[in-house]
Amino acid sequence: MTRTDFLETLKAFTEIVIKDMVLPVRKQENDKKPPAPRAADVHLMRLPDSKSATKKAPYIIHQVITGKDTQPEGERAIALTVVRSIICVYHENEQEGALTLLSLMERLRVALLETVVIGNKYTLITEGDGLEALIYPDDTAPYYAGEMISTWRLPGIKRKVDFNNGF
């Protein structure tokens, strides 16, 4: 079970949770007509083209920030990873934009806290720092962004001992 496998599972979970939340999309220069509202796209680690970050809104990016593997003596291996989820939405109305961002973040937050275990093997750690959320206070209208920080327990890596290869 790698962190890549975990991210793919988190992406699939997120897509299911937000699929019916239709959000505004900004008309681009080359668009003949305004684009249809849609659910946020979910990306892993980065946007496909970071130079057009505002053109991609609405979106969510799940990024692994840190990982830690330990195995206390006499116990099973433990793998932890911290994920930063960046959420960005677009809206012409500033109040509605801020509320749209909050609504999308809350949809994901509530689903994570209700479910706690995704993919039958990845557990959200709710003790300690728990699930943190921050709405960026910057005035970036008509784009609104925030982030969530979560810590996850992944299945530990099982050791392999091969005395024949000299390792």
N, C-alpha and C. Protein backbone atom coordinates (compact mmCIF):
# COMPACT_ATOMS: atom_id res chain seq x y z
N MET A 1 0.83 -1.17 0.00
CA MET A 1 0.00 0.00 0.00
C MET A 1 0.88 1.25 0.00
N THR A 2 0.93 1.94 -1.09
CA THR A 2 1.76 3.13 -1.18
C THR A 2 0.93 4.39 -0.97
N ARG A 3 1.61 5.49 -0.77
CA ARG A 3 0.91 6.77 -0.63
C ARG A 3 0.21 7.15 -1.95
N THR A 4 0.74 6.69 -3.06
CA THR A 4 0.09 6.91 -4.35
C THR A 4 -1.25 6.20 -4.40
N ASP A 5 -1.28 4.94 -3.93
CA ASP A 5 -2.55 4.20 -3.85
C ASP A 5 -3.55 4.94 -2.97
N PHE A 6 -3.05 5.44 -1.85
CA PHE A 6 -3.91 6.18 -0.94
C PHE A 6 -4.50 7.42 -1.61
N LEU A 7 -3.66 8.19 -2.31
CA LEU A 7 -4.15 9.40 -2.99
C LEU A 7 -5.22 9.07 -4.02
N GLU A 8 -5.03 8.01 -4.75
CA GLU A 8 -6.04 7.60 -5.74
C GLU A 8 -7.36 7.27 -5.05
N THR A 9 -7.29 6.63 -3.89
CA THR A 9 -8.50 6.30 -3.14
C THR A 9 -9.16 7.57 -2.61
N LEU A 10 -8.36 8.51 -2.10
CA LEU A 10 -8.89 9.77 -1.60
C LEU A 10 -9.55 10.57 -2.73
N LYS A 11 -8.95 10.54 -3.91
CA LYS A 11 -9.52 11.23 -5.07
C LYS A 11 -10.88 10.64 -5.42
N ALA A 12 -10.96 9.31 -5.51
CA ALA A 12 -12.23 8.65 -5.84
C ALA A 12 -13.29 8.96 -4.79
N PHE A 13 -12.93 8.95 -3.53
CA PHE A 13 -13.86 9.28 -2.44
C PHE A 13 -14.36 10.71 -2.61
N THR A 14 -13.44 11.64 -2.84
CA THR A 14 -13.80 13.06 -2.99
C THR A 14 -14.74 13.27 -4.17
N GLU A 15 -14.47 12.62 -5.29
CA GLU A 15 -15.31 12.76 -6.48
C GLU A 15 -16.74 12.30 -6.20
N ILE A 16 -16.89 11.24 -5.44
CA ILE A 16 -18.23 10.75 -5.09
C ILE A 16 -18.95 11.75 -4.18
N VAL A 17 -18.22 12.28 -3.21
CA VAL A 17 -18.80 13.19 -2.23
C VAL A 17 -19.29 14.49 -2.87
N ILE A 18 -18.56 15.01 -3.86
CA ILE A 18 -18.89 16.33 -4.42
C ILE A 18 -19.56 16.28 -5.79
N LYS A 19 -19.83 15.09 -6.31
CA LYS A 19 -20.30 14.96 -7.69
C LYS A 19 -21.58 15.74 -7.99
N ASP A 20 -22.45 15.92 -7.03
CA ASP A 20 -23.71 16.62 -7.28
C ASP A 20 -23.68 18.09 -6.87
N MET A 21 -22.52 18.58 -6.50
CA MET A 21 -22.37 19.98 -6.11
C MET A 21 -21.91 20.77 -7.34
N VAL A 22 -22.86 21.36 -8.05
CA VAL A 22 -22.58 22.06 -9.31
C VAL A 22 -22.17 23.50 -8.99
N LEU A 23 -21.01 23.88 -9.52
CA LEU A 23 -20.42 25.18 -9.19
C LEU A 23 -20.17 26.01 -10.45
N PRO A 24 -20.18 27.34 -10.30
CA PRO A 24 -19.94 28.21 -11.46
C PRO A 24 -18.53 28.05 -12.03
N VAL A 25 -18.42 28.26 -13.33
CA VAL A 25 -17.15 28.21 -14.05
C VAL A 25 -17.02 29.51 -14.82
N ARG A 26 -15.85 30.13 -14.78
CA ARG A 26 -15.65 31.40 -15.46
C ARG A 26 -15.50 31.21 -16.96
N LYS A 27 -16.13 32.10 -17.71
CA LYS A 27 -15.99 32.10 -19.16
C LYS A 27 -14.57 32.55 -19.51
N GLN A 28 -13.93 31.81 -20.42
CA GLN A 28 -12.57 32.13 -20.85
C GLN A 28 -12.62 32.90 -22.17
N GLU A 29 -11.50 33.52 -22.52
CA GLU A 29 -11.42 34.36 -23.73
C GLU A 29 -11.94 33.66 -24.98
N ASN A 30 -11.57 32.42 -25.18
CA ASN A 30 -11.90 31.71 -26.42
C ASN A 30 -13.27 31.03 -26.39
N ASP A 31 -13.96 31.10 -25.27
CA ASP A 31 -15.28 30.46 -25.17
C ASP A 31 -16.31 31.26 -25.96
N LYS A 32 -17.08 30.57 -26.77
CA LYS A 32 -18.14 31.22 -27.55
C LYS A 32 -19.36 31.49 -26.66
N LYS A 33 -19.60 30.60 -25.72
CA LYS A 33 -20.72 30.78 -24.78
C LYS A 33 -20.23 30.44 -23.38
N PRO A 34 -20.93 30.91 -22.37
CA PRO A 34 -20.51 30.62 -20.99
C PRO A 34 -20.48 29.12 -20.73
N PRO A 35 -19.45 28.63 -20.03
CA PRO A 35 -19.39 27.19 -19.74
C PRO A 35 -20.47 26.79 -18.74
N ALA A 36 -20.88 25.55 -18.83
CA ALA A 36 -21.90 25.04 -17.91
C ALA A 36 -21.29 24.84 -16.53
N PRO A 37 -22.06 25.14 -15.49
CA PRO A 37 -21.58 24.84 -14.14
C PRO A 37 -21.28 23.35 -14.02
N ARG A 38 -20.33 23.00 -13.14
CA ARG A 38 -19.91 21.60 -12.98
C ARG A 38 -19.38 21.36 -11.58
N ALA A 39 -19.20 20.10 -11.26
CA ALA A 39 -18.56 19.74 -9.99
C ALA A 39 -17.07 20.08 -10.09
N ALA A 40 -16.45 20.27 -8.96
CA ALA A 40 -15.01 20.56 -8.94
C ALA A 40 -14.22 19.37 -9.47
N ASP A 41 -13.19 19.66 -10.24
CA ASP A 41 -12.26 18.61 -10.68
C ASP A 41 -11.35 18.28 -9.50
N VAL A 42 -10.94 17.03 -9.40
CA VAL A 42 -10.05 16.61 -8.32
C VAL A 42 -8.72 16.18 -8.94
N HIS A 43 -7.64 16.77 -8.43
CA HIS A 43 -6.29 16.51 -8.94
C HIS A 43 -5.41 16.00 -7.81
N LEU A 44 -4.34 15.31 -8.20
CA LEU A 44 -3.39 14.78 -7.22
C LEU A 44 -2.05 15.49 -7.36
N MET A 45 -1.57 15.99 -6.26
CA MET A 45 -0.28 16.66 -6.09
C MET A 45 -0.21 18.06 -6.71
N ARG A 46 -0.63 18.22 -7.96
CA ARG A 46 -0.59 19.53 -8.60
C ARG A 46 -1.66 19.61 -9.68
N LEU A 47 -1.90 20.81 -10.17
CA LEU A 47 -2.76 20.97 -11.34
C LEU A 47 -1.98 20.51 -12.57
N PRO A 48 -2.68 20.06 -13.62
CA PRO A 48 -1.96 19.68 -14.84
C PRO A 48 -1.17 20.84 -15.44
N ASP A 49 -1.66 22.06 -15.28
CA ASP A 49 -1.00 23.26 -15.82
C ASP A 49 -1.17 24.37 -14.79
N SER A 50 -0.18 24.56 -13.93
CA SER A 50 -0.31 25.53 -12.84
C SER A 50 -0.38 26.97 -13.33
N LYS A 51 0.03 27.23 -14.55
CA LYS A 51 -0.03 28.60 -15.08
C LYS A 51 -1.47 29.03 -15.33
N SER A 52 -2.36 28.08 -15.44
CA SER A 52 -3.77 28.42 -15.68
C SER A 52 -4.63 28.03 -14.48
N ALA A 53 -4.10 28.23 -13.27
CA ALA A 53 -4.80 27.81 -12.05
C ALA A 53 -6.19 28.42 -11.95
N THR A 54 -6.32 29.69 -12.29
CA THR A 54 -7.64 30.31 -12.18
C THR A 54 -8.60 29.79 -13.25
N LYS A 55 -8.09 29.40 -14.40
CA LYS A 55 -8.95 28.87 -15.46
C LYS A 55 -9.52 27.50 -15.10
N LYS A 56 -8.87 26.79 -14.19
CA LYS A 56 -9.29 25.43 -13.83
C LYS A 56 -10.38 25.41 -12.75
N ALA A 57 -10.64 26.53 -12.09
CA ALA A 57 -11.62 26.56 -10.99
C ALA A 57 -13.00 26.19 -11.49
N PRO A 58 -13.74 25.41 -10.74
CA PRO A 58 -13.48 24.91 -9.39
C PRO A 58 -12.65 23.63 -9.40
N TYR A 59 -11.80 23.49 -8.35
CA TYR A 59 -10.98 22.28 -8.25
C TYR A 59 -10.57 22.01 -6.81
N ILE A 60 -10.12 20.79 -6.61
CA ILE A 60 -9.53 20.36 -5.35
C ILE A 60 -8.24 19.64 -5.70
N ILE A 61 -7.17 19.96 -4.98
CA ILE A 61 -5.89 19.27 -5.17
C ILE A 61 -5.54 18.58 -3.85
N HIS A 62 -5.32 17.29 -3.90
CA HIS A 62 -4.84 16.55 -2.72
C HIS A 62 -3.34 16.35 -2.87
N GLN A 63 -2.57 16.84 -1.88
CA GLN A 63 -1.11 16.73 -1.92
C GLN A 63 -0.60 16.02 -0.67
N VAL A 64 0.28 15.05 -0.85
CA VAL A 64 0.98 14.48 0.30
C VAL A 64 2.06 15.47 0.69
N ILE A 65 2.06 15.87 1.97
CA ILE A 65 3.06 16.82 2.46
C ILE A 65 4.19 16.08 3.15
N THR A 66 3.84 15.20 4.08
CA THR A 66 4.85 14.43 4.80
C THR A 66 4.39 13.00 4.97
N GLY A 67 5.35 12.15 5.23
CA GLY A 67 5.06 10.76 5.53
C GLY A 67 6.02 10.28 6.60
N LYS A 68 5.56 9.39 7.43
CA LYS A 68 6.42 8.86 8.48
C LYS A 68 6.11 7.39 8.68
N ASP A 69 7.14 6.57 8.65
CA ASP A 69 7.00 5.13 8.87
C ASP A 69 7.77 4.76 10.13
N THR A 70 7.09 4.08 11.04
CA THR A 70 7.74 3.62 12.27
C THR A 70 7.31 2.19 12.56
N GLN A 71 8.12 1.53 13.37
CA GLN A 71 7.75 0.20 13.84
C GLN A 71 8.33 0.03 15.25
N PRO A 72 7.50 0.37 16.25
CA PRO A 72 7.95 0.17 17.62
C PRO A 72 8.27 -1.31 17.86
N GLU A 73 9.27 -1.56 18.68
CA GLU A 73 9.70 -2.94 18.93
C GLU A 73 8.54 -3.82 19.39
N GLY A 74 8.38 -4.95 18.72
CA GLY A 74 7.34 -5.90 19.06
C GLY A 74 5.96 -5.54 18.54
N GLU A 75 5.86 -4.48 17.74
CA GLU A 75 4.56 -4.05 17.20
C GLU A 75 4.60 -4.03 15.68
N ARG A 76 3.41 -3.88 15.09
CA ARG A 76 3.31 -3.78 13.63
C ARG A 76 3.82 -2.43 13.15
N ALA A 77 4.20 -2.40 11.89
CA ALA A 77 4.65 -1.15 11.27
C ALA A 77 3.49 -0.17 11.18
N ILE A 78 3.80 1.10 11.35
CA ILE A 78 2.80 2.17 11.26
C ILE A 78 3.26 3.15 10.19
N ALA A 79 2.35 3.51 9.31
CA ALA A 79 2.64 4.51 8.27
C ALA A 79 1.64 5.65 8.42
N LEU A 80 2.16 6.86 8.57
CA LEU A 80 1.31 8.05 8.65
C LEU A 80 1.65 8.97 7.49
N THR A 81 0.65 9.69 7.02
CA THR A 81 0.90 10.69 5.99
C THR A 81 0.00 11.90 6.25
N VAL A 82 0.54 13.06 5.99
CA VAL A 82 -0.21 14.31 6.13
C VAL A 82 -0.56 14.79 4.72
N VAL A 83 -1.84 15.12 4.54
CA VAL A 83 -2.34 15.55 3.24
C VAL A 83 -2.85 16.99 3.33
N ARG A 84 -2.47 17.77 2.36
CA ARG A 84 -2.98 19.13 2.20
C ARG A 84 -3.96 19.09 1.04
N SER A 85 -5.18 19.51 1.29
CA SER A 85 -6.21 19.57 0.24
C SER A 85 -6.50 21.03 -0.04
N ILE A 86 -6.17 21.48 -1.24
CA ILE A 86 -6.39 22.87 -1.63
C ILE A 86 -7.70 22.93 -2.41
N ILE A 87 -8.57 23.85 -2.01
CA ILE A 87 -9.88 23.96 -2.64
C ILE A 87 -9.99 25.35 -3.24
N CYS A 88 -10.42 25.44 -4.50
CA CYS A 88 -10.57 26.72 -5.18
C CYS A 88 -11.89 26.74 -5.93
N VAL A 89 -12.63 27.86 -5.81
CA VAL A 89 -13.88 28.04 -6.53
C VAL A 89 -13.89 29.42 -7.18
N TYR A 90 -14.82 29.60 -8.09
CA TYR A 90 -15.02 30.87 -8.80
C TYR A 90 -16.45 31.33 -8.58
N HIS A 91 -16.63 32.64 -8.39
CA HIS A 91 -17.99 33.20 -8.34
C HIS A 91 -17.89 34.72 -8.52
N GLU A 92 -18.76 35.28 -9.33
CA GLU A 92 -18.76 36.72 -9.57
C GLU A 92 -19.19 37.51 -8.33
N ASN A 93 -20.12 36.97 -7.57
CA ASN A 93 -20.61 37.63 -6.36
C ASN A 93 -19.69 37.26 -5.20
N GLU A 94 -19.10 38.24 -4.54
CA GLU A 94 -18.10 37.97 -3.50
C GLU A 94 -18.67 37.21 -2.31
N GLN A 95 -19.86 37.60 -1.86
CA GLN A 95 -20.46 36.89 -0.74
C GLN A 95 -20.78 35.46 -1.13
N GLU A 96 -21.39 35.29 -2.30
CA GLU A 96 -21.73 33.95 -2.77
C GLU A 96 -20.47 33.11 -3.01
N GLY A 97 -19.41 33.75 -3.49
CA GLY A 97 -18.16 33.04 -3.71
C GLY A 97 -17.57 32.49 -2.43
N ALA A 98 -17.55 33.34 -1.40
CA ALA A 98 -17.03 32.90 -0.10
C ALA A 98 -17.89 31.78 0.49
N LEU A 99 -19.20 31.90 0.34
CA LEU A 99 -20.10 30.85 0.83
C LEU A 99 -20.00 29.57 0.02
N THR A 100 -19.77 29.70 -1.28
CA THR A 100 -19.59 28.53 -2.13
C THR A 100 -18.35 27.76 -1.71
N LEU A 101 -17.26 28.48 -1.45
CA LEU A 101 -16.04 27.84 -0.97
C LEU A 101 -16.30 27.12 0.35
N LEU A 102 -16.93 27.81 1.28
CA LEU A 102 -17.23 27.20 2.58
C LEU A 102 -18.10 25.96 2.41
N SER A 103 -19.08 26.03 1.56
CA SER A 103 -19.97 24.89 1.33
C SER A 103 -19.22 23.68 0.78
N LEU A 104 -18.33 23.91 -0.17
CA LEU A 104 -17.55 22.81 -0.74
C LEU A 104 -16.62 22.20 0.31
N MET A 105 -15.96 23.06 1.08
CA MET A 105 -15.07 22.57 2.13
C MET A 105 -15.86 21.79 3.19
N GLU A 106 -17.02 22.29 3.55
CA GLU A 106 -17.84 21.61 4.55
C GLU A 106 -18.36 20.27 4.04
N ARG A 107 -18.70 20.20 2.78
CA ARG A 107 -19.16 18.94 2.20
C ARG A 107 -18.08 17.87 2.36
N LEU A 108 -16.84 18.24 2.03
CA LEU A 108 -15.74 17.29 2.15
C LEU A 108 -15.41 16.99 3.61
N ARG A 109 -15.37 18.01 4.44
CA ARG A 109 -15.06 17.83 5.87
C ARG A 109 -16.03 16.89 6.55
N VAL A 110 -17.32 17.14 6.37
CA VAL A 110 -18.35 16.31 7.00
C VAL A 110 -18.26 14.87 6.50
N ALA A 111 -18.06 14.69 5.21
CA ALA A 111 -17.97 13.33 4.65
C ALA A 111 -16.77 12.58 5.23
N LEU A 112 -15.64 13.26 5.35
CA LEU A 112 -14.46 12.61 5.92
C LEU A 112 -14.69 12.22 7.38
N LEU A 113 -15.29 13.12 8.14
CA LEU A 113 -15.51 12.84 9.57
C LEU A 113 -16.60 11.79 9.79
N GLU A 114 -17.56 11.71 8.89
CA GLU A 114 -18.59 10.67 8.99
C GLU A 114 -18.03 9.30 8.62
N THR A 115 -17.14 9.28 7.64
CA THR A 115 -16.65 8.02 7.11
C THR A 115 -15.41 7.51 7.86
N VAL A 116 -14.46 8.35 8.12
CA VAL A 116 -13.20 8.11 8.83
C VAL A 116 -12.29 7.09 8.13
N VAL A 117 -12.81 5.97 7.68
CA VAL A 117 -11.99 4.97 6.98
C VAL A 117 -12.43 4.93 5.52
N ILE A 118 -11.47 5.14 4.62
CA ILE A 118 -11.79 5.07 3.20
C ILE A 118 -11.00 3.91 2.57
N GLY A 119 -11.57 3.31 1.57
CA GLY A 119 -10.93 2.20 0.90
C GLY A 119 -10.70 1.00 1.81
N ASN A 120 -11.42 0.92 2.89
CA ASN A 120 -11.31 -0.16 3.87
C ASN A 120 -9.92 -0.31 4.49
N LYS A 121 -9.04 0.69 4.32
CA LYS A 121 -7.69 0.54 4.88
C LYS A 121 -7.00 1.84 5.25
N TYR A 122 -7.56 2.98 4.90
CA TYR A 122 -6.92 4.26 5.20
C TYR A 122 -7.77 4.99 6.24
N THR A 123 -7.17 5.30 7.39
CA THR A 123 -7.91 5.86 8.51
C THR A 123 -7.54 7.30 8.78
N LEU A 124 -8.53 8.17 8.80
CA LEU A 124 -8.33 9.57 9.16
C LEU A 124 -8.05 9.65 10.66
N ILE A 125 -6.97 10.31 11.03
CA ILE A 125 -6.63 10.49 12.44
C ILE A 125 -7.39 11.71 12.95
N THR A 126 -8.28 11.50 13.91
CA THR A 126 -9.09 12.61 14.42
C THR A 126 -8.60 13.13 15.75
N GLU A 127 -7.73 12.39 16.44
CA GLU A 127 -7.17 12.91 17.69
C GLU A 127 -5.97 13.79 17.37
N GLY A 128 -5.42 14.44 18.38
CA GLY A 128 -4.29 15.35 18.15
C GLY A 128 -4.76 16.59 17.42
N ASP A 129 -4.12 16.90 16.32
CA ASP A 129 -4.50 18.09 15.54
C ASP A 129 -5.79 17.89 14.76
N GLY A 130 -6.21 16.64 14.57
CA GLY A 130 -7.46 16.37 13.87
C GLY A 130 -7.45 16.87 12.44
N LEU A 131 -8.60 17.24 11.98
CA LEU A 131 -8.78 17.74 10.61
C LEU A 131 -8.84 19.26 10.69
N GLU A 132 -7.87 19.92 10.09
CA GLU A 132 -7.80 21.38 10.14
C GLU A 132 -8.29 21.99 8.83
N ALA A 133 -8.90 23.16 8.94
CA ALA A 133 -9.36 23.87 7.74
C ALA A 133 -9.00 25.34 7.85
N LEU A 134 -8.66 25.94 6.72
CA LEU A 134 -8.31 27.35 6.67
C LEU A 134 -8.86 27.93 5.38
N ILE A 135 -9.62 29.00 5.50
CA ILE A 135 -10.07 29.74 4.33
C ILE A 135 -9.11 30.91 4.17
N TYR A 136 -8.47 31.01 3.01
CA TYR A 136 -7.49 32.08 2.80
C TYR A 136 -8.18 33.44 2.90
N PRO A 137 -7.65 34.34 3.72
CA PRO A 137 -8.29 35.64 3.90
C PRO A 137 -7.99 36.66 2.80
N ASP A 138 -7.10 36.32 1.88
CA ASP A 138 -6.71 37.25 0.81
C ASP A 138 -7.91 37.62 -0.06
N ASP A 139 -7.87 38.86 -0.56
CA ASP A 139 -8.92 39.32 -1.47
C ASP A 139 -8.51 38.92 -2.89
N THR A 140 -9.01 37.79 -3.33
CA THR A 140 -8.66 37.25 -4.66
C THR A 140 -9.90 37.12 -5.54
N ALA A 141 -10.96 37.82 -5.19
CA ALA A 141 -12.21 37.73 -5.95
C ALA A 141 -11.92 37.94 -7.43
N PRO A 142 -12.56 37.20 -8.29
CA PRO A 142 -13.70 36.31 -8.12
C PRO A 142 -13.31 34.85 -7.82
N TYR A 143 -12.06 34.63 -7.35
CA TYR A 143 -11.63 33.28 -6.97
C TYR A 143 -11.49 33.23 -5.45
N TYR A 144 -11.85 32.10 -4.89
CA TYR A 144 -11.85 31.93 -3.44
C TYR A 144 -11.20 30.59 -3.15
N ALA A 145 -10.29 30.59 -2.16
CA ALA A 145 -9.54 29.36 -1.91
C ALA A 145 -9.35 29.12 -0.42
N GLY A 146 -9.11 27.88 -0.12
CA GLY A 146 -8.83 27.47 1.25
C GLY A 146 -8.11 26.13 1.21
N GLU A 147 -7.83 25.60 2.38
CA GLU A 147 -7.17 24.31 2.44
C GLU A 147 -7.58 23.55 3.68
N MET A 148 -7.40 22.26 3.60
CA MET A 148 -7.64 21.38 4.74
C MET A 148 -6.38 20.54 4.92
N ILE A 149 -6.02 20.31 6.17
CA ILE A 149 -4.88 19.46 6.49
C ILE A 149 -5.41 18.26 7.27
N SER A 150 -5.07 17.08 6.79
CA SER A 150 -5.52 15.86 7.45
C SER A 150 -4.35 14.89 7.59
N THR A 151 -4.41 14.07 8.64
CA THR A 151 -3.40 13.05 8.87
C THR A 151 -4.07 11.69 8.75
N TRP A 152 -3.41 10.77 8.06
CA TRP A 152 -3.98 9.47 7.76
C TRP A 152 -3.05 8.35 8.19
N ARG A 153 -3.63 7.28 8.69
CA ARG A 153 -2.89 6.05 8.98
C ARG A 153 -3.07 5.11 7.80
N LEU A 154 -1.96 4.69 7.23
CA LEU A 154 -1.96 3.76 6.10
C LEU A 154 -1.46 2.40 6.60
N PRO A 155 -1.79 1.33 5.91
CA PRO A 155 -1.24 0.04 6.30
C PRO A 155 0.30 0.10 6.26
N GLY A 156 0.93 -0.45 7.28
CA GLY A 156 2.39 -0.46 7.32
C GLY A 156 2.97 -1.41 6.29
N ILE A 157 4.19 -1.18 5.93
CA ILE A 157 4.90 -2.03 4.98
C ILE A 157 5.43 -3.26 5.74
N LYS A 158 5.16 -4.43 5.21
CA LYS A 158 5.66 -5.65 5.83
C LYS A 158 7.09 -5.88 5.38
N ARG A 159 7.93 -6.20 6.34
CA ARG A 159 9.34 -6.44 6.03
C ARG A 159 9.51 -7.78 5.32
N LYS A 160 10.47 -7.77 4.42
CA LYS A 160 10.86 -9.01 3.72
C LYS A 160 12.29 -9.32 4.13
N VAL A 161 12.52 -10.53 4.50
CA VAL A 161 13.87 -10.94 4.85
C VAL A 161 14.30 -11.99 3.84
N ASP A 162 15.35 -11.67 3.11
CA ASP A 162 15.86 -12.59 2.10
C ASP A 162 17.35 -12.79 2.36
N PHE A 163 17.68 -13.89 3.02
CA PHE A 163 19.07 -14.15 3.36
C PHE A 163 19.88 -14.63 2.16
N ASN A 164 19.24 -15.00 1.09
CA ASN A 164 19.95 -15.53 -0.08
C ASN A 164 20.57 -14.42 -0.94
N ASN A 165 20.04 -13.21 -0.87
CA ASN A 165 20.57 -12.12 -1.71
C ASN A 165 21.63 -11.29 -1.02
N GLY A 166 21.91 -11.58 0.22
CA GLY A 166 22.94 -10.83 0.92
C GLY A 166 22.53 -9.45 1.38
N PHE A 167 21.26 -9.15 1.40
CA PHE A 167 20.79 -7.84 1.87
C PHE A 167 20.31 -7.93 3.30
